[in-house]
C-alpha atoms as a PDB file:
ATOM      1  CA  MET A   1       0.000   0.000   0.000  1.00  0.00           C
ATOM      2  CA  ARG A   2       2.815   2.395   0.902  1.00  0.00           C
ATOM      3  CA  VAL A   3       4.513   1.626  -2.378  1.00  0.00           C
ATOM      4  CA  MET A   4       1.293   2.308  -4.227  1.00  0.00           C
ATOM      5  CA  LYS A   5       0.912   5.655  -2.426  1.00  0.00           C
ATOM      6  CA  THR A   6       4.483   6.644  -3.336  1.00  0.00           C
ATOM      7  CA  ILE A   7       3.910   5.671  -6.951  1.00  0.00           C
ATOM      8  CA  LEU A   8       0.671   7.716  -7.062  1.00  0.00           C
ATOM      9  CA  GLN A   9       2.370  10.735  -5.488  1.00  0.00           C
ATOM     10  CA  GLY A  10       5.191  10.475  -8.028  1.00  0.00           C
ATOM     11  CA  PHE A  11       2.655  10.120 -10.824  1.00  0.00           C
ATOM     12  CA  ILE A  12       0.635  13.121  -9.594  1.00  0.00           C
ATOM     13  CA  GLY A  13       3.844  15.124  -9.297  1.00  0.00           C
ATOM     14  CA  ARG A  14       4.757  14.190 -12.853  1.00  0.00           C
ATOM     15  CA  GLN A  15       1.306  15.218 -14.050  1.00  0.00           C
ATOM     16  CA  ALA A  16       1.765  18.586 -12.369  1.00  0.00           C
ATOM     17  CA  ILE A  17       5.125  18.968 -14.090  1.00  0.00           C
ATOM     18  CA  VAL A  18       3.585  17.925 -17.406  1.00  0.00           C
ATOM     19  CA  LYS A  19       0.680  20.317 -16.859  1.00  0.00           C
ATOM     20  CA  CYS A  20       3.132  23.180 -16.303  1.00  0.00           C
ATOM     21  CA  THR A  21       5.511  22.099 -19.067  1.00  0.00           C
ATOM     22  CA  ILE A  22       2.938  21.737 -21.848  1.00  0.00           C
ATOM     23  CA  PRO A  23       1.654  25.346 -21.584  1.00  0.00           C
ATOM     24  CA  ALA A  24       5.227  26.628 -21.324  1.00  0.00           C
ATOM     25  CA  VAL A  25       6.211  24.740 -24.480  1.00  0.00           C
ATOM     26  CA  LEU A  26       3.122  25.977 -26.319  1.00  0.00           C
ATOM     27  CA  ILE A  27       3.697  29.589 -25.298  1.00  0.00           C
ATOM     28  CA  SER A  28       7.371  29.391 -26.269  1.00  0.00           C
ATOM     29  CA  SER A  29       6.558  27.924 -29.662  1.00  0.00           C
ATOM     30  CA  VAL A  30       3.959  30.638 -30.297  1.00  0.00           C
ATOM     31  CA  LEU A  31       6.411  33.361 -29.333  1.00  0.00           C
ATOM     32  CA  PHE A  32       9.117  31.939 -31.576  1.00  0.00           C
ATOM     33  CA  SER A  33       6.700  31.525 -34.458  1.00  0.00           C
ATOM     34  CA  CYS A  34       5.528  35.120 -34.017  1.00  0.00           C
ATOM     35  CA  LYS A  35       9.101  36.372 -34.112  1.00  0.00           C
ATOM     36  CA  HIS A  36       9.758  34.273 -37.176  1.00  0.00           C
ATOM     37  CA  SER A  37       6.620  35.463 -38.959  1.00  0.00           C
ATOM     38  CA  SER A  38       7.194  39.129 -38.091  1.00  0.00           C
ATOM     39  CA  SER A  39      10.525  39.152 -39.905  1.00  0.00           C
ATOM     40  CA  LYS A  40       8.798  37.713 -42.968  1.00  0.00           C
ATOM     41  CA  ASN A  41       6.014  40.295 -42.761  1.00  0.00           C
ATOM     42  CA  ASP A  42       8.239  43.361 -42.515  1.00  0.00           C
ATOM     43  CA  VAL A  43       7.859  44.088 -46.228  1.00  0.00           C
ATOM     44  CA  PRO A  44       4.041  43.825 -46.314  1.00  0.00           C
ATOM     45  CA  ARG A  45       3.780  46.135 -43.295  1.00  0.00           C
ATOM     46  CA  GLU A  46       5.799  48.757 -45.137  1.00  0.00           C
ATOM     47  CA  LYS A  47       3.491  48.358 -48.123  1.00  0.00           C
ATOM     48  CA  LYS A  48       0.472  48.857 -45.863  1.00  0.00           C
ATOM     49  CA  GLN A  49       2.005  52.061 -44.504  1.00  0.00           C
ATOM     50  CA  ASP A  50       2.638  53.265 -48.055  1.00  0.00           C
ATOM     51  CA  LYS A  51      -1.021  52.657 -48.876  1.00  0.00           C
ATOM     52  CA  GLN A  52      -2.051  54.696 -45.840  1.00  0.00           C
ATOM     53  CA  GLU A  53       0.219  57.527 -46.900  1.00  0.00           C
ATOM     54  CA  ILE A  54      -1.388  57.529 -50.339  1.00  0.00           C
ATOM     55  CA  LYS A  55      -4.796  58.027 -48.752  1.00  0.00           C
ATOM     56  CA  THR A  56      -3.722  61.196 -46.943  1.00  0.00           C
ATOM     57  CA  LYS A  57      -4.343  64.599 -48.402  1.00  0.00           C
ATOM     58  CA  PRO A  58      -1.421  65.982 -50.422  1.00  0.00           C
ATOM     59  CA  SER A  59       0.344  69.100 -49.163  1.00  0.00           C
ATOM     60  CA  SER A  60      -0.956  72.528 -50.014  1.00  0.00           C
ATOM     61  CA  SER A  61       0.779  74.546 -52.713  1.00  0.00           C
ATOM     62  CA  PHE A  62       0.435  77.613 -50.495  1.00  0.00           C
ATOM     63  CA  SER A  63       1.994  78.537 -47.173  1.00  0.00           C
ATOM     64  CA  ASP A  64      -0.207  81.543 -46.370  1.00  0.00           C
ATOM     65  CA  THR A  65      -1.945  82.029 -43.035  1.00  0.00           C
ATOM     66  CA  LEU A  66      -5.519  83.218 -42.582  1.00  0.00           C
ATOM     67  CA  ILE A  67      -6.082  85.119 -39.314  1.00  0.00           C
ATOM     68  CA  ILE A  68      -9.468  84.782 -37.609  1.00  0.00           C
ATOM     69  CA  SER A  69     -10.245  86.993 -34.604  1.00  0.00           C
ATOM     70  CA  SER A  70     -14.051  87.121 -34.339  1.00  0.00           C
ATOM     71  CA  ARG A  71     -16.898  84.620 -33.953  1.00  0.00           C
ATOM     72  CA  SER A  72     -16.640  82.742 -37.223  1.00  0.00           C
ATOM     73  CA  ALA A  73     -17.349  79.628 -39.194  1.00  0.00           C
ATOM     74  CA  VAL A  74     -14.340  78.888 -41.377  1.00  0.00           C
ATOM     75  CA  PHE A  75     -14.881  76.640 -44.404  1.00  0.00           C
ATOM     76  CA  TYR A  76     -11.632  75.338 -45.869  1.00  0.00           C
ATOM     77  CA  TYR A  77     -11.054  73.913 -49.338  1.00  0.00           C
ATOM     78  CA  PRO A  78      -8.173  72.307 -51.241  1.00  0.00           C
ATOM     79  CA  ASP A  79      -6.277  74.540 -53.619  1.00  0.00           C
ATOM     80  CA  SER A  80      -6.385  73.688 -57.336  1.00  0.00           C
ATOM     81  CA  LEU A  81      -3.061  71.787 -57.385  1.00  0.00           C
ATOM     82  CA  GLN A  82      -4.004  69.869 -54.257  1.00  0.00           C
ATOM     83  CA  LEU A  83      -7.313  68.895 -55.843  1.00  0.00           C
ATOM     84  CA  GLU A  84      -5.522  67.714 -58.993  1.00  0.00           C
ATOM     85  CA  LYS A  85      -3.173  65.546 -56.901  1.00  0.00           C
ATOM     86  CA  ILE A  86      -6.175  64.062 -55.074  1.00  0.00           C
ATOM     87  CA  LYS A  87      -7.816  63.284 -58.419  1.00  0.00           C
ATOM     88  CA  GLU A  88      -4.615  61.609 -59.690  1.00  0.00           C
ATOM     89  CA  MET A  89      -4.280  59.307 -56.692  1.00  0.00           C
ATOM     90  CA  THR A  90      -7.958  58.416 -56.283  1.00  0.00           C
ATOM     91  CA  ASP A  91     -10.325  56.430 -58.477  1.00  0.00           C
ATOM     92  CA  LYS A  92     -12.413  58.707 -60.724  1.00  0.00           C
ATOM     93  CA  ASN A  93     -15.781  57.448 -59.405  1.00  0.00           C
ATOM     94  CA  ILE A  94     -14.700  57.930 -55.794  1.00  0.00           C
ATOM     95  CA  VAL A  95     -13.480  61.476 -56.491  1.00  0.00           C
ATOM     96  CA  GLU A  96     -16.737  62.394 -58.213  1.00  0.00           C
ATOM     97  CA  SER A  97     -18.702  60.941 -55.300  1.00  0.00           C
ATOM     98  CA  PHE A  98     -16.820  62.765 -52.552  1.00  0.00           C
ATOM     99  CA  LEU A  99     -16.798  66.061 -54.493  1.00  0.00           C
ATOM    100  CA  HIS A 100     -20.567  65.725 -54.839  1.00  0.00           C
ATOM    101  CA  ASP A 101     -20.937  64.963 -51.122  1.00  0.00           C
ATOM    102  CA  TYR A 102     -18.670  67.837 -50.048  1.00  0.00           C
ATOM    103  CA  TYR A 103     -20.495  70.285 -52.306  1.00  0.00           C
ATOM    104  CA  TYR A 104     -23.832  69.540 -50.651  1.00  0.00           C
ATOM    105  CA  GLN A 105     -22.400  69.325 -47.133  1.00  0.00           C
ATOM    106  CA  VAL A 106     -20.681  72.722 -47.458  1.00  0.00           C
ATOM    107  CA  ARG A 107     -23.807  74.201 -49.036  1.00  0.00           C
ATOM    108  CA  PHE A 108     -25.951  72.866 -46.184  1.00  0.00           C
ATOM    109  CA  GLY A 109     -23.472  74.265 -43.628  1.00  0.00           C
ATOM    110  CA  HIS A 110     -23.781  77.712 -45.215  1.00  0.00           C
ATOM    111  CA  LEU A 111     -27.587  77.504 -45.192  1.00  0.00           C
ATOM    112  CA  VAL A 112     -27.667  76.497 -41.510  1.00  0.00           C
ATOM    113  CA  LEU A 113     -25.347  79.347 -40.555  1.00  0.00           C
ATOM    114  CA  LYS A 114     -27.277  81.976 -42.529  1.00  0.00           C
ATOM    115  CA  LYS A 115     -30.639  80.811 -41.186  1.00  0.00           C
ATOM    116  CA  GLN A 116     -29.890  79.908 -37.559  1.00  0.00           C
ATOM    117  CA  TRP A 117     -26.709  81.901 -36.824  1.00  0.00           C
ATOM    118  CA  PRO A 118     -26.861  85.081 -38.922  1.00  0.00           C
ATOM    119  CA  GLY A 119     -24.439  86.896 -36.579  1.00  0.00           C
ATOM    120  CA  ILE A 120     -21.630  84.406 -37.220  1.00  0.00           C
ATOM    121  CA  ASN A 121     -19.040  85.539 -39.746  1.00  0.00           C
ATOM    122  CA  ILE A 122     -18.619  83.014 -42.590  1.00  0.00           C
ATOM    123  CA  VAL A 123     -15.012  82.810 -43.784  1.00  0.00           C
ATOM    124  CA  GLU A 124     -13.918  80.980 -46.934  1.00  0.00           C
ATOM    125  CA  ALA A 125     -10.358  79.681 -46.504  1.00  0.00           C
ATOM    126  CA  ARG A 126      -9.057  79.145 -50.019  1.00  0.00           C
ATOM    127  CA  ASN A 127      -5.425  78.972 -51.036  1.00  0.00           C
ATOM    128  CA  VAL A 128      -4.144  78.992 -47.443  1.00  0.00           C
ATOM    129  CA  ARG A 129      -2.360  76.365 -45.438  1.00  0.00           C
ATOM    130  CA  TYR A 130      -2.664  77.735 -41.902  1.00  0.00           C
ATOM    131  CA  LEU A 131      -5.561  79.066 -39.841  1.00  0.00           C
ATOM    132  CA  LEU A 132      -4.512  81.326 -36.962  1.00  0.00           C
ATOM    133  CA  PHE A 133      -7.264  81.780 -34.383  1.00  0.00           C
ATOM    134  CA  LEU A 134      -6.739  84.764 -32.070  1.00  0.00           C
ATOM    135  CA  LYS A 135      -8.352  83.901 -28.741  1.00  0.00           C
ATOM    136  CA  LYS A 136      -9.017  86.602 -26.112  1.00  0.00           C
ATOM    137  CA  ASP A 137      -6.462  86.753 -23.311  1.00  0.00           C
ATOM    138  CA  THR A 138      -4.749  83.482 -24.322  1.00  0.00           C
ATOM    139  CA  ILE A 139      -2.193  82.165 -26.730  1.00  0.00           C
ATOM    140  CA  PRO A 140      -3.348  82.113 -30.374  1.00  0.00           C
ATOM    141  CA  GLU A 141      -4.003  78.701 -31.882  1.00  0.00           C
ATOM    142  CA  CYS A 142      -2.603  77.789 -35.285  1.00  0.00           C
ATOM    143  CA  ILE A 143      -4.007  74.907 -37.313  1.00  0.00           C
ATOM    144  CA  ASP A 144      -2.094  73.397 -40.219  1.00  0.00           C
ATOM    145  CA  LEU A 145      -4.704  72.293 -42.763  1.00  0.00           C
ATOM    146  CA  ASP A 146      -2.223  69.819 -44.247  1.00  0.00           C
ATOM    147  CA  THR A 147      -2.661  67.772 -41.059  1.00  0.00           C
ATOM    148  CA  LYS A 148      -6.403  67.500 -41.687  1.00  0.00           C
ATOM    149  CA  ASN A 149      -7.104  64.534 -43.914  1.00  0.00           C
ATOM    150  CA  ASP A 150     -10.388  65.928 -45.241  1.00  0.00           C
ATOM    151  CA  ALA A 151     -10.069  67.974 -48.403  1.00  0.00           C
ATOM    152  CA  TYR A 152     -12.980  70.155 -47.267  1.00  0.00           C
ATOM    153  CA  GLY A 153     -14.006  71.069 -43.765  1.00  0.00           C
ATOM    154  CA  LEU A 154     -15.383  73.522 -41.268  1.00  0.00           C
ATOM    155  CA  PHE A 155     -14.021  75.096 -38.099  1.00  0.00           C
ATOM    156  CA  VAL A 156     -16.171  77.117 -35.739  1.00  0.00           C
ATOM    157  CA  PHE A 157     -14.583  79.734 -33.535  1.00  0.00           C
ATOM    158  CA  ASP A 158     -15.482  82.005 -30.660  1.00  0.00           C
ATOM    159  CA  PRO A 159     -12.605  84.127 -29.292  1.00  0.00           C
ATOM    160  CA  LEU A 160     -13.544  82.975 -25.781  1.00  0.00           C
ATOM    161  CA  LYS A 161     -13.102  79.286 -26.694  1.00  0.00           C
ATOM    162  CA  LYS A 162     -10.854  76.915 -28.515  1.00  0.00           C
ATOM    163  CA  PRO A 163     -11.684  76.499 -32.240  1.00  0.00           C
ATOM    164  CA  VAL A 164     -13.392  73.192 -33.063  1.00  0.00           C
ATOM    165  CA  GLN A 165     -13.528  71.261 -36.306  1.00  0.00           C
ATOM    166  CA  VAL A 166     -17.122  70.364 -37.129  1.00  0.00           C
ATOM    167  CA  ASP A 167     -18.221  67.191 -38.881  1.00  0.00           C
ATOM    168  CA  LEU A 168     -19.933  68.499 -42.012  1.00  0.00           C
ATOM    169  CA  THR A 169     -22.455  65.656 -41.991  1.00  0.00           C
ATOM    170  CA  ASN A 170     -23.618  66.774 -38.544  1.00  0.00           C
ATOM    171  CA  ALA A 171     -22.986  70.504 -38.944  1.00  0.00           C
ATOM    172  CA  GLU A 172     -26.358  71.757 -37.725  1.00  0.00           C
ATOM    173  CA  SER A 173     -26.087  70.036 -34.345  1.00  0.00           C
ATOM    174  CA  GLU A 174     -22.392  70.651 -33.760  1.00  0.00           C
ATOM    175  CA  ILE A 175     -22.580  74.351 -34.654  1.00  0.00           C
ATOM    176  CA  GLY A 176     -25.498  74.712 -32.249  1.00  0.00           C
ATOM    177  CA  PHE A 177     -23.679  72.897 -29.448  1.00  0.00           C
ATOM    178  CA  TYR A 178     -20.569  75.023 -29.902  1.00  0.00           C
ATOM    179  CA  PHE A 179     -22.207  78.455 -30.027  1.00  0.00           C
ATOM    180  CA  ASN A 180     -24.909  77.695 -27.433  1.00  0.00           C
ATOM    181  CA  ASP A 181     -22.348  76.588 -24.849  1.00  0.00           C
ATOM    182  CA  ASN A 182     -21.857  79.347 -22.299  1.00  0.00           C
ATOM    183  CA  ASN A 183     -18.368  78.231 -21.197  1.00  0.00           C
END
C-alpha cells in the first residue's frame, strides 16, 4: 500500500510537471513563431504604410496664413493643385462621389449658418495652409490644414473658446452645441 501511495504521489507530481511544461512549451513555440513570422512580414507592413500615406491629403501649394479673430465659421477647401493631386491618386468614381458629397455638405453648412446663426461671420479659406485663431487673453491657436485629412471642412470659432472642427455631416447640431455653450 505504501509503495502504491508513493507511486501515485510520483505520478501526480509528474502530471503537475507535465501540466506546467505543456503550456510553457506551447507559449514558447507561439512566441518563436511570431518572431519568425514578423521578420517575414516586414515588407508587407511597409506596403500597408505606403497605402495609408497615399490616402492622406497631399500638401498645399500655399503657405499663407488666414487670421481669424471674431466669432466665425471657417470653411476650408483644397487649392487647385491639391485637388488635382487628389484626383490623380484616387479612383475617378470615388473622387466624383466625394466632391458631390462635399459640395452639398458645405452648401448645407452655409444655409444652416445663414438661417440659424446670422451673426456668425462666414469665412472661406481658399489657397491657405494655416488658420490662426486669435483667442481673447490666451495664446493664439494655429491649425495646419495639411494635417487634416479631409479635403474640405469647417471650423467654428469664438474668441472665448478653442476652435473646433465640425463634422460636415452633422454641422447643424455641432454648430449649435458650440455656439450655445456658455463656457
